[in-house]
Protein backbone atom coordinates (compact mmCIF):
# COMPACT_ATOMS: atom_id res chain seq x y z
CA MET A 1 16.99 16.22 -1.91
CA GLY A 2 19.67 16.49 0.78
CA GLU A 3 22.78 14.43 1.27
CA HIS A 4 22.99 11.67 3.81
CA ASN A 5 24.12 13.00 7.16
CA GLY A 6 26.22 10.85 9.50
CA ASP A 7 26.24 13.19 12.47
CA ASP A 8 24.49 12.75 15.76
CA SER A 9 21.08 13.79 14.32
CA MET A 10 19.69 10.37 15.18
CA ASN A 11 20.09 11.08 18.91
CA LEU A 12 21.56 7.65 19.53
CA GLY A 13 22.20 8.60 23.12
CA VAL A 14 18.48 8.94 23.85
CA ALA A 15 17.00 5.91 25.60
CA GLU A 16 14.57 3.88 23.54
CA GLU A 17 10.97 4.04 24.64
CA PRO A 18 9.19 0.70 25.18
CA MET A 19 6.41 -0.02 22.74
CA PRO A 20 3.00 0.66 24.37
CA GLY A 21 0.05 -1.67 24.45
CA TYR A 22 -3.32 -0.97 22.76
CA VAL A 23 -4.88 0.48 25.91
CA ASP A 24 -1.88 2.69 26.63
CA LEU A 25 -1.86 3.89 23.03
CA PHE A 26 -5.58 4.67 23.03
CA THR A 27 -5.63 6.52 26.40
CA ARG A 28 -2.47 8.50 25.74
CA ALA A 29 -3.37 9.38 22.17
CA CYS A 30 -6.83 10.55 23.17
CA SER A 31 -5.37 12.60 26.00
CA VAL A 32 -2.70 14.27 23.85
CA MET A 33 -5.01 14.93 20.92
CA ALA A 34 -7.75 16.39 23.20
CA SER A 35 -5.22 18.66 24.81
CA ALA A 36 -3.87 19.72 21.43
CA LEU A 37 -7.36 20.48 20.13
CA LYS A 38 -8.13 22.51 23.29
CA ASP A 39 -4.98 24.57 22.88
CA CYS A 40 -5.67 25.28 19.21
CA SER A 41 -7.49 28.54 19.67
CA ASP A 42 -7.20 29.88 16.12
CA CYS A 43 -7.35 26.62 14.12
CA GLY A 44 -8.95 27.02 10.74
CA LEU A 45 -8.32 27.42 7.04
CA GLU A 46 -6.31 30.61 7.44
CA LEU A 47 -3.91 28.98 9.95
CA SER A 48 -3.64 25.90 7.69
CA ARG A 49 -2.80 28.09 4.72
CA ARG A 50 -0.09 29.89 6.64
CA THR A 51 1.33 26.65 8.03
CA LEU A 52 1.38 25.14 4.55
CA LEU A 53 3.24 28.11 3.07
CA ASP A 54 5.71 28.29 5.96
CA ASN A 55 6.54 24.57 6.36
CA ALA A 56 5.98 22.77 3.08
CA TYR A 57 9.08 22.44 0.94
CA ILE A 58 9.04 20.73 -2.38
CA THR A 59 10.68 21.84 -5.65
CA TRP A 60 9.47 21.84 -9.23
CA THR A 61 12.33 19.47 -10.07
CA GLU A 62 11.04 16.94 -7.51
CA MET A 63 7.51 17.23 -8.85
CA GLY A 64 8.80 16.75 -12.38
CA LEU A 65 10.69 13.64 -11.38
CA PHE A 66 7.53 12.32 -9.73
CA PHE A 67 5.48 12.58 -12.98
CA ILE A 68 8.31 11.23 -15.13
CA CYS A 69 8.69 8.16 -12.85
CA ALA A 70 4.91 7.61 -12.66
CA VAL A 71 4.78 7.45 -16.49
CA MET A 72 7.90 5.24 -16.42
CA TRP A 73 6.19 2.68 -14.13
CA THR A 74 3.14 2.57 -16.45
CA GLN A 75 5.28 2.02 -19.53
CA MET A 76 7.51 -0.46 -17.76
CA ARG A 77 4.47 -2.47 -16.73
CA ARG A 78 3.07 -2.48 -20.25
CA GLY A 79 6.45 -3.52 -21.67
CA LEU A 80 6.94 -6.35 -19.18
CA THR A 81 3.36 -7.49 -19.67
CA GLY A 82 3.61 -7.61 -23.41
CA CYS A 83 7.12 -9.03 -23.69
CA LEU A 84 7.38 -11.30 -20.65
CA PHE A 85 4.43 -11.86 -18.36
CA LYS A 86 1.68 -12.56 -20.92
CA PRO A 87 3.86 -14.68 -23.25
CA PHE A 88 5.05 -16.69 -20.23
CA ALA A 89 1.46 -17.25 -19.03
CA GLN A 90 0.51 -18.44 -22.53
CA TRP A 91 3.59 -20.65 -22.77
CA CYS A 92 2.59 -22.27 -19.45
CA CYS A 93 -0.92 -22.85 -20.88
CA LEU A 94 -2.74 -21.15 -18.02
CA GLN A 95 -6.51 -20.99 -18.07
CA PRO A 96 -7.79 -17.97 -20.00
CA LYS A 97 -9.04 -16.11 -16.94
CA ASP A 98 -5.74 -16.75 -15.18
CA THR A 99 -3.74 -15.66 -18.21
CA ALA A 100 -5.54 -12.31 -18.09
CA LYS A 101 -4.88 -11.77 -14.35
CA MET A 102 -1.37 -13.23 -14.02
CA PRO A 103 0.55 -10.20 -15.44
CA GLU A 104 -0.97 -7.83 -12.86
CA SER A 105 0.21 -10.04 -9.96
CA ALA A 106 3.62 -10.65 -11.54
CA TRP A 107 4.20 -6.88 -11.93
CA LYS A 108 3.15 -6.09 -8.36
CA LEU A 109 5.29 -8.90 -6.98
CA VAL A 110 8.37 -7.55 -8.75
CA PHE A 111 7.79 -4.00 -7.57
CA TYR A 112 6.87 -4.69 -3.95
CA THR A 113 9.77 -7.10 -3.51
CA MET A 114 12.13 -4.38 -4.69
CA SER A 115 10.57 -1.62 -2.62
CA TRP A 116 10.23 -3.60 0.58
CA SER A 117 13.83 -4.88 0.27
CA TYR A 118 14.98 -1.25 0.06
CA SER A 119 12.93 -0.21 3.07
CA THR A 120 14.32 -3.16 5.00
CA TYR A 121 17.82 -2.07 4.08
CA LEU A 122 17.15 1.46 5.34
CA LEU A 123 15.71 0.36 8.66
CA PHE A 124 18.03 -2.52 9.58
CA LEU A 125 21.29 -2.04 7.65
CA THR A 126 21.90 1.64 8.29
CA GLN A 127 22.17 3.81 11.40
CA TYR A 128 18.45 4.69 11.43
CA THR A 129 16.68 3.62 14.67
CA PHE A 130 13.13 4.17 13.51
CA PHE A 131 11.91 0.58 13.89
CA TYR A 132 13.32 -0.12 17.32
CA ASN A 133 12.69 3.36 18.66
CA PRO A 134 9.75 4.88 16.69
CA PRO A 135 9.75 8.27 18.50
CA SER A 136 13.26 8.79 17.06
CA VAL A 137 11.52 9.69 13.73
CA PHE A 138 10.97 13.14 15.28
CA TYR A 139 14.39 13.65 16.90
CA ASP A 140 15.87 16.95 15.76
CA TRP A 141 13.00 17.64 13.38
CA LYS A 142 13.20 21.07 11.75
CA SER A 143 11.01 22.75 9.19
CA GLY A 144 12.65 22.55 5.76
CA MET A 145 15.44 20.22 6.94
CA SER A 146 17.32 18.36 4.23
CA VAL A 147 16.12 14.87 3.30
CA PRO A 148 18.86 12.23 3.27
CA THR A 149 19.44 11.03 -0.31
CA ASP A 150 18.73 7.33 0.49
CA ILE A 151 15.32 8.23 1.98
CA ALA A 152 14.58 10.68 -0.85
CA ILE A 153 15.11 7.85 -3.35
CA ALA A 154 12.64 5.65 -1.42
CA TYR A 155 10.11 8.47 -1.51
CA LEU A 156 10.53 9.04 -5.27
CA ILE A 157 10.09 5.33 -5.97
CA GLN A 158 7.05 4.88 -3.78
CA GLY A 159 5.34 8.21 -4.49
CA SER A 160 5.57 7.79 -8.30
CA PHE A 161 4.40 4.16 -8.06
CA TYR A 162 1.24 5.11 -6.17
CA GLY A 163 0.64 7.88 -8.71
CA HIS A 164 0.81 5.18 -11.39
CA SER A 165 -1.35 2.87 -9.25
CA ILE A 166 -4.31 5.22 -9.20
CA TYR A 167 -4.38 5.06 -12.99
CA ALA A 168 -3.64 1.38 -13.05
CA THR A 169 -6.39 0.35 -10.64
CA VAL A 170 -9.00 2.08 -12.80
CA TYR A 171 -7.74 1.29 -16.30
CA MET A 172 -5.36 -1.67 -16.09
CA ASP A 173 -6.23 -3.95 -13.16
CA ALA A 174 -9.10 -6.47 -12.94
CA TRP A 175 -11.98 -4.83 -11.08
CA ARG A 176 -12.77 -6.36 -7.70
CA LYS A 177 -15.17 -5.80 -4.81
CA ASP A 178 -12.70 -3.52 -3.01
CA SER A 179 -11.29 -1.69 -6.06
CA ALA A 180 -13.11 1.55 -5.14
CA VAL A 181 -11.59 1.31 -1.63
CA MET A 182 -8.23 0.55 -3.28
CA VAL A 183 -8.40 3.78 -5.26
CA VAL A 184 -9.14 5.70 -2.04
CA HIS A 185 -6.20 3.87 -0.42
CA HIS A 186 -3.86 4.92 -3.18
CA VAL A 187 -5.02 8.52 -2.99
CA ILE A 188 -4.52 8.65 0.77
CA THR A 189 -1.16 6.88 0.51
CA LEU A 190 0.00 9.35 -2.20
CA ALA A 191 -1.19 12.25 -0.06
CA LEU A 192 0.72 10.88 2.91
CA ILE A 193 3.87 10.38 0.87
CA THR A 194 3.69 13.82 -0.78
CA PHE A 195 2.86 15.85 2.33
CA SER A 196 5.14 13.87 4.62
CA TYR A 197 8.03 14.62 2.23
CA ALA A 198 7.08 18.26 1.91
CA PHE A 199 6.79 18.68 5.73
CA ARG A 200 9.95 16.57 6.31
CA TYR A 201 8.17 13.75 8.11
CA HIS A 202 10.10 11.37 5.83
CA ASN A 203 11.51 9.27 8.67
CA ILE A 204 8.07 7.97 9.79
CA GLY A 205 7.17 7.53 6.15
CA VAL A 206 9.92 4.94 5.73
CA LEU A 207 8.50 3.00 8.69
CA VAL A 208 4.94 3.08 7.27
CA LEU A 209 6.10 1.78 3.89
CA PHE A 210 8.10 -1.05 5.50
CA LEU A 211 5.11 -2.20 7.53
CA HIS A 212 2.74 -2.31 4.53
CA ASP A 213 4.71 -3.59 1.54
CA ILE A 214 5.48 -7.05 2.92
CA ASN A 215 1.81 -8.04 2.71
CA ASP A 216 1.62 -7.10 -0.96
CA ILE A 217 4.52 -9.41 -1.67
CA GLN A 218 2.78 -12.35 0.03
CA LEU A 219 -0.59 -11.58 -1.57
CA GLU A 220 0.78 -11.49 -5.13
CA PHE A 221 2.95 -14.60 -4.52
CA THR A 222 -0.13 -16.49 -3.30
CA LYS A 223 -2.25 -15.36 -6.26
CA LEU A 224 0.43 -16.39 -8.76
CA ASN A 225 0.56 -19.89 -7.30
CA VAL A 226 -3.29 -20.05 -7.50
CA TYR A 227 -3.06 -19.23 -11.21
CA PHE A 228 -0.28 -21.75 -11.83
CA LYS A 229 -1.68 -24.73 -9.94
CA THR A 230 -3.83 -25.63 -12.96
CA ARG A 231 -2.03 -25.23 -16.28
CA GLY A 232 -1.90 -27.21 -19.50
CA GLY A 233 -4.84 -29.29 -18.36
CA SER A 234 -2.86 -30.66 -15.40
CA TYR A 235 -2.98 -30.01 -11.64
CA TYR A 236 0.28 -29.11 -9.81
CA LEU A 237 0.35 -29.94 -6.13
CA ILE A 238 3.44 -27.83 -5.40
CA ASN A 239 1.62 -24.63 -6.46
CA ASP A 240 -1.38 -25.62 -4.36
CA ILE A 241 0.84 -26.10 -1.33
CA LEU A 242 2.65 -22.80 -1.91
CA SER A 243 -0.64 -20.94 -2.33
CA ASN A 244 -1.91 -22.31 0.99
CA MET A 245 1.35 -21.51 2.73
CA GLY A 246 1.26 -18.00 1.23
CA SER A 247 -2.29 -17.41 2.39
CA VAL A 248 -1.49 -18.45 5.98
CA SER A 249 1.64 -16.32 6.04
CA PHE A 250 -0.30 -13.39 4.55
CA SER A 251 -2.99 -13.61 7.20
CA ILE A 252 -0.50 -13.70 10.05
CA THR A 253 1.74 -10.91 8.83
CA TRP A 254 -1.28 -8.72 7.94
CA PHE A 255 -2.32 -8.68 11.57
CA TRP A 256 1.22 -8.48 12.94
CA PHE A 257 2.52 -5.70 10.66
CA ARG A 258 -0.65 -3.63 9.95
CA LEU A 259 -2.82 -4.13 13.04
CA TYR A 260 -0.18 -4.60 15.71
CA TRP A 261 3.11 -2.86 14.78
CA PHE A 262 1.47 -0.11 12.71
CA PRO A 263 -0.72 1.39 15.46
CA LEU A 264 1.67 0.67 18.30
CA LYS A 265 4.75 2.01 16.56
CA VAL A 266 3.59 4.49 13.94
CA LEU A 267 0.40 5.89 15.46
CA TYR A 268 2.01 6.12 18.92
CA ALA A 269 4.91 8.10 17.43
CA SER A 270 2.63 10.35 15.33
CA CYS A 271 -0.12 10.91 17.91
CA VAL A 272 1.85 11.08 21.19
CA ALA A 273 5.62 11.39 20.69
CA SER A 274 5.42 13.99 17.92
CA LEU A 275 3.84 16.67 20.13
CA GLN A 276 6.09 15.81 23.06
CA LEU A 277 9.27 16.17 20.99
CA VAL A 278 8.07 18.99 18.66
CA PRO A 279 5.50 21.23 20.30
CA ASN A 280 3.14 22.83 17.79
CA ILE A 281 4.22 20.39 15.11
CA PRO A 282 2.69 21.45 11.76
CA PHE A 283 -0.44 19.69 10.40
CA TYR A 284 -0.66 17.41 13.42
CA PHE A 285 -4.33 16.59 13.00
CA PHE A 286 -4.14 16.31 9.18
CA PHE A 287 -1.45 13.62 9.18
CA ASN A 288 -2.94 11.67 12.04
CA ALA A 289 -6.35 11.69 10.33
CA LEU A 290 -4.79 10.16 7.22
CA LEU A 291 -2.90 7.55 9.26
CA LEU A 292 -6.04 6.63 11.15
CA ALA A 293 -7.90 6.31 7.83
CA LEU A 294 -5.17 3.96 6.66
CA LEU A 295 -5.65 1.87 9.82
CA LEU A 296 -9.41 1.71 9.21
CA MET A 297 -8.81 0.44 5.69
CA ASN A 298 -6.40 -2.15 7.06
CA ILE A 299 -9.16 -3.34 9.38
CA TYR A 300 -11.66 -3.34 6.47
CA TRP A 301 -9.38 -5.57 4.41
CA PHE A 302 -8.73 -7.74 7.42
CA LEU A 303 -12.44 -8.55 7.36
CA PHE A 304 -11.90 -10.05 3.92
CA ILE A 305 -9.12 -12.23 5.39
CA VAL A 306 -11.41 -13.39 8.23
CA LEU A 307 -14.15 -14.13 5.71
CA PHE A 308 -11.69 -16.23 3.69
CA VAL A 309 -10.59 -18.20 6.80
CA VAL A 310 -14.21 -18.79 7.85
CA LYS A 311 -15.11 -20.07 4.35
CA VAL A 312 -12.17 -22.47 4.37
CA LEU A 313 -12.90 -23.75 7.90
CA THR A 314 -16.59 -24.25 7.21
CA GLY A 315 -15.97 -25.99 3.90
CA GLN A 316 -17.59 -23.29 1.78
CA MET A 317 -14.29 -22.85 -0.08
CA LYS A 318 -12.30 -25.90 -1.11
CA GLU A 319 -9.24 -24.01 -2.39
CA VAL A 320 -7.48 -20.70 -2.13
CA ASN A 321 -9.20 -17.94 -4.14
CA ASP A 322 -9.34 -14.21 -3.88
CA VAL A 323 -12.59 -13.43 -2.09
CA ARG A 324 -12.50 -9.91 -3.50
CA GLU A 325 -13.07 -11.08 -7.09
CA TYR A 326 -16.29 -10.31 -8.91
CA GLU A 327 -16.66 -13.84 -10.27
CA GLU A 328 -20.28 -14.36 -9.19
CA GLU A 329 -21.31 -10.95 -10.38
CA GLU A 330 -19.52 -11.42 -13.71
CA ALA A 331 -21.26 -14.76 -14.29
CA SER A 332 -24.68 -13.21 -13.49
CA LEU A 333 -24.03 -10.25 -15.75
CA LYS A 334 -22.85 -12.37 -18.60
CA ALA A 335 -25.99 -14.57 -18.37
CA LYS A 336 -28.20 -11.51 -18.26
CA LEU A 337 -26.50 -9.87 -21.27
CA LYS A 338 -26.65 -13.12 -23.26
CA MET A 339 -30.42 -13.38 -22.69
CA GLN A 340 -30.88 -9.76 -23.80
CA ASN A 341 -28.48 -10.01 -26.76
CA PRO A 342 -27.41 -13.51 -27.95
CA ASP A 343 -24.74 -11.94 -30.21
CA ALA A 344 -23.00 -10.28 -27.28
CA GLY A 345 -21.61 -13.51 -25.90
CA HIS A 346 -18.53 -13.48 -28.08
CA GLN A 347 -17.49 -10.12 -26.65
CA ASP A 348 -16.72 -11.73 -23.27
CA LYS A 349 -14.08 -13.83 -24.92
CA GLU A 350 -12.12 -10.89 -26.27
CA GLU A 351 -8.78 -10.73 -24.54
CA GLY A 352 -8.16 -7.93 -22.09
CA LYS A 353 -11.84 -7.18 -21.27
CA HIS A 354 -13.08 -7.05 -17.68
CA VAL A 355 -16.15 -5.95 -15.79
CA GLN A 356 -15.87 -2.71 -13.89
CA ASN A 357 -18.93 -1.37 -12.06
CA GLY A 358 -21.18 -3.37 -14.39
CA ILE A 359 -19.53 -1.91 -17.50
CA THR A 360 -17.26 -3.94 -19.79
CA LYS A 361 -14.07 -1.93 -20.18
CA GLU A 362 -10.97 -2.70 -22.22
CA LYS A 363 -7.78 -3.18 -20.33
CA HIS A 364 -4.95 -0.93 -21.40
CA LEU A 365 -2.28 -3.59 -21.63
């Protein structure tokens, strides 16, 4: 991890490029990528192996810190859940199903608020120009260049958290309709974080993290207010209002940050500007394939948001709920199991159990 450098490496004298439109992005990206593919005469596994060995820089110390921090996040979540989140949910007399799900949302809200605040600090309160001039992420790029300490800290925090999240999605979180996609998302995100750090594409990584974390804050805030609007046998209007405000804000910022800024800033910089500024940039197709996969998943989840809005507008849904939940499937499964084995009904009441792919698994909390 390198020290922060205050020299002219940000190329502040270079004029900022205007953000392109969708059509400009698509046409220029296709043109640049087609030209790059045509020029790649000896592309293949052997070239990839040589490129990896020549340009990937990551130390055993950094890998050790990653695993230590991933375990730390897991233990921290378990500690906060047992000592704070779950007792608070019980003290507030939440409904049993909400008491089981509330700690997950509370934990994610705490983490994403912290991580997004730090990314915001890096992009807007330092000398970095990545947000206003995305191509600047590749100014003065060099293989094996030192990573500024402030960005290295962001990478350690985020990388270790997504390592923890792969385990947490499978063994700790409530299983939802998109949980399998969520695991794939975490794997792709971890691959992007790890390889972008190793190849010193850390500047664009900070921009990607900033554009994605804000939606997780709004999602968990909304879900917490859904859980808290009915507690102790009473209905609380303020939480209902906040959950509706959160869902509207979440829908707007999802499109603005992930489907507007992300492709027009990040994908433009990675697909077009990268090759213009750094000819023969390593692993060009690999990183852009991962970023495009991330965009496709953002579109996939946006369909859930559209489905939610349609249900609200057509009166099919009277209140804010997570349309990804397996509530209907759980009810059907419970009824079926009860008919087959009347004594199995009490098992559904055991705290910390949830349905995952049709199998009742115990939550590790």
